[in-house]
Amino acid sequence: IHTEMQMIGCSETERAYDVSLDEEDVIVVDFIAERVVDTRPSFVDHISFGKDTFQVAMGNLITCRRNLNITQKALKDQPLES
């Protein structure tokens, strides 16, 4: 059995998207260069990802930032617990 995990993270200024297989990074998205980076060494078999992987990551980033905005608005007037 293998485990695949996709991690999407965002803030107002930062963003991250990576895919791991069995707890090893497989790809990361470089949002500045607008490309997907294969992080596996050359001596292993590579899994091919679709040509739309960067667009999928961008869609997930948009959703992440939308959710962040909704959460910030919902918690804006909540007192901090001490």
PDB file of N, CA and C in Angstrom:
ATOM      1  N   ILE A   1       0.854  -1.173   0.000  1.00  0.00           N
ATOM      2  CA  ILE A   1       0.000   0.000   0.000  1.00  0.00           C
ATOM      3  C   ILE A   1       0.900   1.236   0.000  1.00  0.00           C
ATOM      4  N   HIS A   2       0.543   2.193  -0.830  1.00  0.00           N
ATOM      5  CA  HIS A   2       1.274   3.452  -0.905  1.00  0.00           C
ATOM      6  C   HIS A   2       0.370   4.587  -0.446  1.00  0.00           C
ATOM      7  N   THR A   3       0.966   5.628   0.055  1.00  0.00           N
ATOM      8  CA  THR A   3       0.229   6.789   0.528  1.00  0.00           C
ATOM      9  C   THR A   3       0.658   8.020  -0.254  1.00  0.00           C
ATOM     10  N   GLU A   4      -0.314   8.701  -0.844  1.00  0.00           N
ATOM     11  CA  GLU A   4      -0.041   9.975  -1.519  1.00  0.00           C
ATOM     12  C   GLU A   4      -0.650  11.090  -0.696  1.00  0.00           C
ATOM     13  N   MET A   5       0.085  12.181  -0.561  1.00  0.00           N
ATOM     14  CA  MET A   5      -0.417  13.323   0.181  1.00  0.00           C
ATOM     15  C   MET A   5      -0.148  14.594  -0.620  1.00  0.00           C
ATOM     16  N   GLN A   6      -1.158  15.453  -0.687  1.00  0.00           N
ATOM     17  CA  GLN A   6      -0.996  16.762  -1.309  1.00  0.00           C
ATOM     18  C   GLN A   6      -1.095  17.802  -0.208  1.00  0.00           C
ATOM     19  N   MET A   7      -0.131  18.712  -0.168  1.00  0.00           N
ATOM     20  CA  MET A   7      -0.118  19.764   0.831  1.00  0.00           C
ATOM     21  C   MET A   7      -0.289  21.103   0.124  1.00  0.00           C
ATOM     22  N   ILE A   8      -1.283  21.835   0.565  1.00  0.00           N
ATOM     23  CA  ILE A   8      -1.543  23.167   0.040  1.00  0.00           C
ATOM     24  C   ILE A   8      -1.490  24.117   1.223  1.00  0.00           C
ATOM     25  N   GLY A   9      -0.687  25.140   1.117  1.00  0.00           N
ATOM     26  CA  GLY A   9      -0.583  26.119   2.195  1.00  0.00           C
ATOM     27  C   GLY A   9      -0.574  27.518   1.620  1.00  0.00           C
ATOM     28  N   CYS A  10      -1.140  28.453   2.371  1.00  0.00           N
ATOM     29  CA  CYS A  10      -1.138  29.828   1.885  1.00  0.00           C
ATOM     30  C   CYS A  10      -1.280  30.789   3.050  1.00  0.00           C
ATOM     31  N   SER A  11      -0.804  31.978   2.806  1.00  0.00           N
ATOM     32  CA  SER A  11      -1.055  33.127   3.663  1.00  0.00           C
ATOM     33  C   SER A  11      -1.333  34.277   2.706  1.00  0.00           C
ATOM     34  N   GLU A  12      -1.382  35.476   3.229  1.00  0.00           N
ATOM     35  CA  GLU A  12      -1.611  36.607   2.333  1.00  0.00           C
ATOM     36  C   GLU A  12      -0.430  36.817   1.388  1.00  0.00           C
ATOM     37  N   THR A  13       0.760  36.371   1.794  1.00  0.00           N
ATOM     38  CA  THR A  13       1.957  36.601   0.974  1.00  0.00           C
ATOM     39  C   THR A  13       2.668  35.333   0.530  1.00  0.00           C
ATOM     40  N   GLU A  14       2.461  34.237   1.221  1.00  0.00           N
ATOM     41  CA  GLU A  14       3.180  32.996   0.922  1.00  0.00           C
ATOM     42  C   GLU A  14       2.242  31.970   0.299  1.00  0.00           C
ATOM     43  N   ARG A  15       2.843  30.982  -0.383  1.00  0.00           N
ATOM     44  CA  ARG A  15       2.046  29.912  -0.992  1.00  0.00           C
ATOM     45  C   ARG A  15       2.930  28.684  -1.149  1.00  0.00           C
ATOM     46  N   ALA A  16       2.296  27.525  -1.030  1.00  0.00           N
ATOM     47  CA  ALA A  16       3.037  26.271  -1.166  1.00  0.00           C
ATOM     48  C   ALA A  16       2.100  25.182  -1.656  1.00  0.00           C
ATOM     49  N   TYR A  17       2.634  24.308  -2.486  1.00  0.00           N
ATOM     50  CA  TYR A  17       1.889  23.143  -2.969  1.00  0.00           C
ATOM     51  C   TYR A  17       2.915  22.058  -3.253  1.00  0.00           C
ATOM     52  N   ASP A  18       2.764  20.931  -2.598  1.00  0.00           N
ATOM     53  CA  ASP A  18       3.648  19.819  -2.929  1.00  0.00           C
ATOM     54  C   ASP A  18       2.910  18.502  -2.806  1.00  0.00           C
ATOM     55  N   VAL A  19       3.444  17.520  -3.481  1.00  0.00           N
ATOM     56  CA  VAL A  19       2.877  16.175  -3.494  1.00  0.00           C
ATOM     57  C   VAL A  19       3.951  15.230  -2.997  1.00  0.00           C
ATOM     58  N   SER A  20       3.568  14.341  -2.083  1.00  0.00           N
ATOM     59  CA  SER A  20       4.516  13.340  -1.594  1.00  0.00           C
ATOM     60  C   SER A  20       3.918  11.951  -1.769  1.00  0.00           C
ATOM     61  N   LEU A  21       4.799  10.998  -1.916  1.00  0.00           N
ATOM     62  CA  LEU A  21       4.427   9.594  -2.045  1.00  0.00           C
ATOM     63  C   LEU A  21       5.216   8.836  -1.000  1.00  0.00           C
ATOM     64  N   ASP A  22       4.510   8.148  -0.121  1.00  0.00           N
ATOM     65  CA  ASP A  22       5.143   7.422   0.979  1.00  0.00           C
ATOM     66  C   ASP A  22       6.086   8.327   1.770  1.00  0.00           C
ATOM     67  N   GLU A  23       5.602   9.526   2.084  1.00  0.00           N
ATOM     68  CA  GLU A  23       6.298  10.512   2.905  1.00  0.00           C
ATOM     69  C   GLU A  23       7.558  11.092   2.267  1.00  0.00           C
ATOM     70  N   GLU A  24       7.732  10.907   0.969  1.00  0.00           N
ATOM     71  CA  GLU A  24       8.859  11.495   0.238  1.00  0.00           C
ATOM     72  C   GLU A  24       8.301  12.489  -0.775  1.00  0.00           C
ATOM     73  N   ASP A  25       8.857  13.704  -0.789  1.00  0.00           N
ATOM     74  CA  ASP A  25       8.407  14.686  -1.774  1.00  0.00           C
ATOM     75  C   ASP A  25       8.612  14.157  -3.180  1.00  0.00           C
ATOM     76  N   VAL A  26       7.605  14.337  -4.006  1.00  0.00           N
ATOM     77  CA  VAL A  26       7.656  13.919  -5.403  1.00  0.00           C
ATOM     78  C   VAL A  26       7.744  15.148  -6.300  1.00  0.00           C
ATOM     79  N   ILE A  27       6.868  16.109  -6.045  1.00  0.00           N
ATOM     80  CA  ILE A  27       6.918  17.370  -6.787  1.00  0.00           C
ATOM     81  C   ILE A  27       6.636  18.521  -5.840  1.00  0.00           C
ATOM     82  N   VAL A  28       7.148  19.669  -6.194  1.00  0.00           N
ATOM     83  CA  VAL A  28       6.779  20.928  -5.556  1.00  0.00           C
ATOM     84  C   VAL A  28       6.462  21.906  -6.680  1.00  0.00           C
ATOM     85  N   VAL A  29       5.634  22.869  -6.383  1.00  0.00           N
ATOM     86  CA  VAL A  29       5.294  23.872  -7.386  1.00  0.00           C
ATOM     87  C   VAL A  29       6.066  25.145  -7.068  1.00  0.00           C
ATOM     88  N   ASP A  30       6.767  25.641  -8.069  1.00  0.00           N
ATOM     89  CA  ASP A  30       7.471  26.918  -7.972  1.00  0.00           C
ATOM     90  C   ASP A  30       6.538  27.969  -8.568  1.00  0.00           C
ATOM     91  N   PHE A  31       5.826  28.680  -7.697  1.00  0.00           N
ATOM     92  CA  PHE A  31       4.850  29.656  -8.173  1.00  0.00           C
ATOM     93  C   PHE A  31       5.520  30.863  -8.819  1.00  0.00           C
ATOM     94  N   ILE A  32       6.722  31.200  -8.399  1.00  0.00           N
ATOM     95  CA  ILE A  32       7.420  32.348  -8.987  1.00  0.00           C
ATOM     96  C   ILE A  32       7.805  32.051 -10.431  1.00  0.00           C
ATOM     97  N   ALA A  33       8.382  30.860 -10.666  1.00  0.00           N
ATOM     98  CA  ALA A  33       8.778  30.472 -12.029  1.00  0.00           C
ATOM     99  C   ALA A  33       7.618  29.864 -12.815  1.00  0.00           C
ATOM    100  N   GLU A  34       6.483  29.671 -12.144  1.00  0.00           N
ATOM    101  CA  GLU A  34       5.285  29.087 -12.761  1.00  0.00           C
ATOM    102  C   GLU A  34       5.579  27.735 -13.396  1.00  0.00           C
ATOM    103  N   ARG A  35       6.144  26.826 -12.567  1.00  0.00           N
ATOM    104  CA  ARG A  35       6.456  25.491 -13.074  1.00  0.00           C
ATOM    105  C   ARG A  35       6.379  24.471 -11.948  1.00  0.00           C
ATOM    106  N   VAL A  36       6.275  23.221 -12.351  1.00  0.00           N
ATOM    107  CA  VAL A  36       6.272  22.095 -11.428  1.00  0.00           C
ATOM    108  C   VAL A  36       7.683  21.522 -11.411  1.00  0.00           C
ATOM    109  N   VAL A  37       8.218  21.281 -10.212  1.00  0.00           N
ATOM    110  CA  VAL A  37       9.580  20.780 -10.065  1.00  0.00           C
ATOM    111  C   VAL A  37       9.526  19.342  -9.551  1.00  0.00           C
ATOM    112  N   ASP A  38      10.104  18.427 -10.310  1.00  0.00           N
ATOM    113  CA  ASP A  38      10.219  17.025  -9.902  1.00  0.00           C
ATOM    114  C   ASP A  38      11.410  16.937  -8.954  1.00  0.00           C
ATOM    115  N   THR A  39      11.171  16.537  -7.711  1.00  0.00           N
ATOM    116  CA  THR A  39      12.224  16.541  -6.694  1.00  0.00           C
ATOM    117  C   THR A  39      12.912  15.194  -6.512  1.00  0.00           C
ATOM    118  N   ARG A  40      12.525  14.208  -7.292  1.00  0.00           N
ATOM    119  CA  ARG A  40      13.116  12.876  -7.121  1.00  0.00           C
ATOM    120  C   ARG A  40      14.465  12.788  -7.825  1.00  0.00           C
ATOM    121  N   PRO A  41      15.362  11.980  -7.269  1.00  0.00           N
ATOM    122  CA  PRO A  41      16.671  11.819  -7.914  1.00  0.00           C
ATOM    123  C   PRO A  41      16.542  11.115  -9.261  1.00  0.00           C
ATOM    124  N   SER A  42      17.526  11.295 -10.106  1.00  0.00           N
ATOM    125  CA  SER A  42      17.464  10.773 -11.479  1.00  0.00           C
ATOM    126  C   SER A  42      17.479   9.250 -11.553  1.00  0.00           C
ATOM    127  N   PHE A  43      17.955   8.565 -10.509  1.00  0.00           N
ATOM    128  CA  PHE A  43      18.084   7.108 -10.578  1.00  0.00           C
ATOM    129  C   PHE A  43      16.807   6.354 -10.202  1.00  0.00           C
ATOM    130  N   VAL A  44      15.722   7.053  -9.866  1.00  0.00           N
ATOM    131  CA  VAL A  44      14.471   6.370  -9.527  1.00  0.00           C
ATOM    132  C   VAL A  44      13.493   6.470 -10.689  1.00  0.00           C
ATOM    133  N   ASP A  45      12.516   5.562 -10.704  1.00  0.00           N
ATOM    134  CA  ASP A  45      11.458   5.637 -11.707  1.00  0.00           C
ATOM    135  C   ASP A  45      10.583   6.848 -11.403  1.00  0.00           C
ATOM    136  N   HIS A  46      10.244   7.575 -12.435  1.00  0.00           N
ATOM    137  CA  HIS A  46       9.461   8.790 -12.255  1.00  0.00           C
ATOM    138  C   HIS A  46       8.017   8.568 -12.680  1.00  0.00           C
ATOM    139  N   ILE A  47       7.126   9.161 -11.917  1.00  0.00           N
ATOM    140  CA  ILE A  47       5.703   9.162 -12.229  1.00  0.00           C
ATOM    141  C   ILE A  47       5.455  10.417 -13.060  1.00  0.00           C
ATOM    142  N   SER A  48       4.719  10.287 -14.125  1.00  0.00           N
ATOM    143  CA  SER A  48       4.432  11.488 -14.913  1.00  0.00           C
ATOM    144  C   SER A  48       3.145  12.128 -14.399  1.00  0.00           C
ATOM    145  N   PHE A  49       3.168  13.430 -14.319  1.00  0.00           N
ATOM    146  CA  PHE A  49       2.005  14.190 -13.900  1.00  0.00           C
ATOM    147  C   PHE A  49       1.431  14.891 -15.117  1.00  0.00           C
ATOM    148  N   GLY A  50       0.160  15.192 -15.070  1.00  0.00           N
ATOM    149  CA  GLY A  50      -0.502  15.834 -16.199  1.00  0.00           C
ATOM    150  C   GLY A  50       0.077  17.204 -16.508  1.00  0.00           C
ATOM    151  N   LYS A  51      -0.096  17.625 -17.732  1.00  0.00           N
ATOM    152  CA  LYS A  51       0.403  18.933 -18.151  1.00  0.00           C
ATOM    153  C   LYS A  51      -0.316  20.070 -17.431  1.00  0.00           C
ATOM    154  N   ASP A  52      -1.468  19.763 -16.839  1.00  0.00           N
ATOM    155  CA  ASP A  52      -2.233  20.796 -16.152  1.00  0.00           C
ATOM    156  C   ASP A  52      -1.941  20.858 -14.654  1.00  0.00           C
ATOM    157  N   THR A  53      -0.885  20.210 -14.193  1.00  0.00           N
ATOM    158  CA  THR A  53      -0.579  20.166 -12.765  1.00  0.00           C
ATOM    159  C   THR A  53      -0.388  21.564 -12.187  1.00  0.00           C
ATOM    160  N   PHE A  54       0.290  22.442 -12.912  1.00  0.00           N
ATOM    161  CA  PHE A  54       0.473  23.804 -12.401  1.00  0.00           C
ATOM    162  C   PHE A  54      -0.874  24.516 -12.286  1.00  0.00           C
ATOM    163  N   GLN A  55      -1.743  24.342 -13.268  1.00  0.00           N
ATOM    164  CA  GLN A  55      -3.056  24.981 -13.215  1.00  0.00           C
ATOM    165  C   GLN A  55      -3.891  24.434 -12.050  1.00  0.00           C
ATOM    166  N   VAL A  56      -3.770  23.139 -11.785  1.00  0.00           N
ATOM    167  CA  VAL A  56      -4.464  22.537 -10.637  1.00  0.00           C
ATOM    168  C   VAL A  56      -3.954  23.174  -9.343  1.00  0.00           C
ATOM    169  N   ALA A  57      -2.639  23.326  -9.237  1.00  0.00           N
ATOM    170  CA  ALA A  57      -2.048  23.951  -8.049  1.00  0.00           C
ATOM    171  C   ALA A  57      -2.544  25.391  -7.891  1.00  0.00           C
ATOM    172  N   MET A  58      -2.634  26.131  -8.999  1.00  0.00           N
ATOM    173  CA  MET A  58      -3.134  27.508  -8.936  1.00  0.00           C
ATOM    174  C   MET A  58      -4.590  27.539  -8.476  1.00  0.00           C
ATOM    175  N   GLY A  59      -5.400  26.610  -8.965  1.00  0.00           N
ATOM    176  CA  GLY A  59      -6.790  26.529  -8.524  1.00  0.00           C
ATOM    177  C   GLY A  59      -6.887  26.239  -7.039  1.00  0.00           C
ATOM    178  N   ASN A  60      -6.034  25.342  -6.551  1.00  0.00           N
ATOM    179  CA  ASN A  60      -6.016  25.031  -5.121  1.00  0.00           C
ATOM    180  C   ASN A  60      -5.550  26.234  -4.304  1.00  0.00           C
ATOM    181  N   LEU A  61      -4.598  26.987  -4.829  1.00  0.00           N
ATOM    182  CA  LEU A  61      -4.125  28.189  -4.144  1.00  0.00           C
ATOM    183  C   LEU A  61      -5.240  29.233  -4.045  1.00  0.00           C
ATOM    184  N   ILE A  62      -5.986  29.412  -5.110  1.00  0.00           N
ATOM    185  CA  ILE A  62      -7.108  30.356  -5.093  1.00  0.00           C
ATOM    186  C   ILE A  62      -8.125  29.944  -4.035  1.00  0.00           C
ATOM    187  N   THR A  63      -8.432  28.654  -3.971  1.00  0.00           N
ATOM    188  CA  THR A  63      -9.363  28.144  -2.960  1.00  0.00           C
ATOM    189  C   THR A  63      -8.809  28.359  -1.561  1.00  0.00           C
ATOM    190  N   CYS A  64      -7.518  28.102  -1.372  1.00  0.00           N
ATOM    191  CA  CYS A  64      -6.882  28.284  -0.067  1.00  0.00           C
ATOM    192  C   CYS A  64      -6.990  29.734   0.388  1.00  0.00           C
ATOM    193  N   ARG A  65      -6.686  30.648  -0.500  1.00  0.00           N
ATOM    194  CA  ARG A  65      -6.741  32.071  -0.131  1.00  0.00           C
ATOM    195  C   ARG A  65      -8.180  32.536   0.105  1.00  0.00           C
ATOM    196  N   ARG A  66      -9.118  31.998  -0.649  1.00  0.00           N
ATOM    197  CA  ARG A  66     -10.528  32.329  -0.426  1.00  0.00           C
ATOM    198  C   ARG A  66     -10.960  31.834   0.958  1.00  0.00           C
ATOM    199  N   ASN A  67     -10.588  30.597   1.292  1.00  0.00           N
ATOM    200  CA  ASN A  67     -10.925  30.052   2.609  1.00  0.00           C
ATOM    201  C   ASN A  67     -10.253  30.846   3.724  1.00  0.00           C
ATOM    202  N   LEU A  68      -9.011  31.256   3.511  1.00  0.00           N
ATOM    203  CA  LEU A  68      -8.298  32.068   4.497  1.00  0.00           C
ATOM    204  C   LEU A  68      -9.028  33.388   4.727  1.00  0.00           C
ATOM    205  N   ASN A  69      -9.464  34.014   3.662  1.00  0.00           N
ATOM    206  CA  ASN A  69     -10.181  35.283   3.759  1.00  0.00           C
ATOM    207  C   ASN A  69     -11.490  35.119   4.528  1.00  0.00           C
ATOM    208  N   ILE A  70     -12.231  34.062   4.228  1.00  0.00           N
ATOM    209  CA  ILE A  70     -13.496  33.797   4.925  1.00  0.00           C
ATOM    210  C   ILE A  70     -13.243  33.576   6.410  1.00  0.00           C
ATOM    211  N   THR A  71     -12.222  32.789   6.731  1.00  0.00           N
ATOM    212  CA  THR A  71     -11.898  32.496   8.128  1.00  0.00           C
ATOM    213  C   THR A  71     -11.460  33.759   8.862  1.00  0.00           C
ATOM    214  N   GLN A  72     -10.632  34.577   8.224  1.00  0.00           N
ATOM    215  CA  GLN A  72     -10.193  35.823   8.859  1.00  0.00           C
ATOM    216  C   GLN A  72     -11.377  36.734   9.159  1.00  0.00           C
ATOM    217  N   LYS A  73     -12.311  36.843   8.239  1.00  0.00           N
ATOM    218  CA  LYS A  73     -13.497  37.679   8.464  1.00  0.00           C
ATOM    219  C   LYS A  73     -14.356  37.114   9.589  1.00  0.00           C
ATOM    220  N   ALA A  74     -14.511  35.796   9.615  1.00  0.00           N
ATOM    221  CA  ALA A  74     -15.345  35.162  10.639  1.00  0.00           C
ATOM    222  C   ALA A  74     -14.735  35.306  12.029  1.00  0.00           C
ATOM    223  N   LEU A  75     -13.418  35.319  12.114  1.00  0.00           N
ATOM    224  CA  LEU A  75     -12.749  35.377  13.413  1.00  0.00           C
ATOM    225  C   LEU A  75     -12.317  36.789  13.804  1.00  0.00           C
ATOM    226  N   LYS A  76     -12.603  37.763  12.968  1.00  0.00           N
ATOM    227  CA  LYS A  76     -12.111  39.125  13.176  1.00  0.00           C
ATOM    228  C   LYS A  76     -12.489  39.683  14.544  1.00  0.00           C
ATOM    229  N   ASP A  77     -13.705  39.479  14.964  1.00  0.00           N
ATOM    230  CA  ASP A  77     -14.174  40.054  16.224  1.00  0.00           C
ATOM    231  C   ASP A  77     -14.123  39.071  17.390  1.00  0.00           C
ATOM    232  N   GLN A  78     -13.529  37.929  17.177  1.00  0.00           N
ATOM    233  CA  GLN A  78     -13.425  36.941  18.250  1.00  0.00           C
ATOM    234  C   GLN A  78     -12.306  37.351  19.208  1.00  0.00           C
ATOM    235  N   PRO A  79     -12.579  37.347  20.520  1.00  0.00           N
ATOM    236  CA  PRO A  79     -11.512  37.676  21.474  1.00  0.00           C
ATOM    237  C   PRO A  79     -10.484  36.543  21.526  1.00  0.00           C
ATOM    238  N   LEU A  80      -9.238  36.927  21.718  1.00  0.00           N
ATOM    239  CA  LEU A  80      -8.187  35.925  21.873  1.00  0.00           C
ATOM    240  C   LEU A  80      -8.292  35.318  23.259  1.00  0.00           C
ATOM    241  N   GLU A  81      -8.135  34.017  23.340  1.00  0.00           N
ATOM    242  CA  GLU A  81      -8.156  33.355  24.641  1.00  0.00           C
ATOM    243  C   GLU A  81      -6.815  33.568  25.310  1.00  0.00           C
ATOM    244  N   SER A  82      -6.864  33.728  26.632  1.00  0.00           N
ATOM    245  CA  SER A  82      -5.594  33.903  27.349  1.00  0.00           C
ATOM    246  C   SER A  82      -5.317  32.748  28.275  1.00  0.00           C
TER     247      SER A  82
END
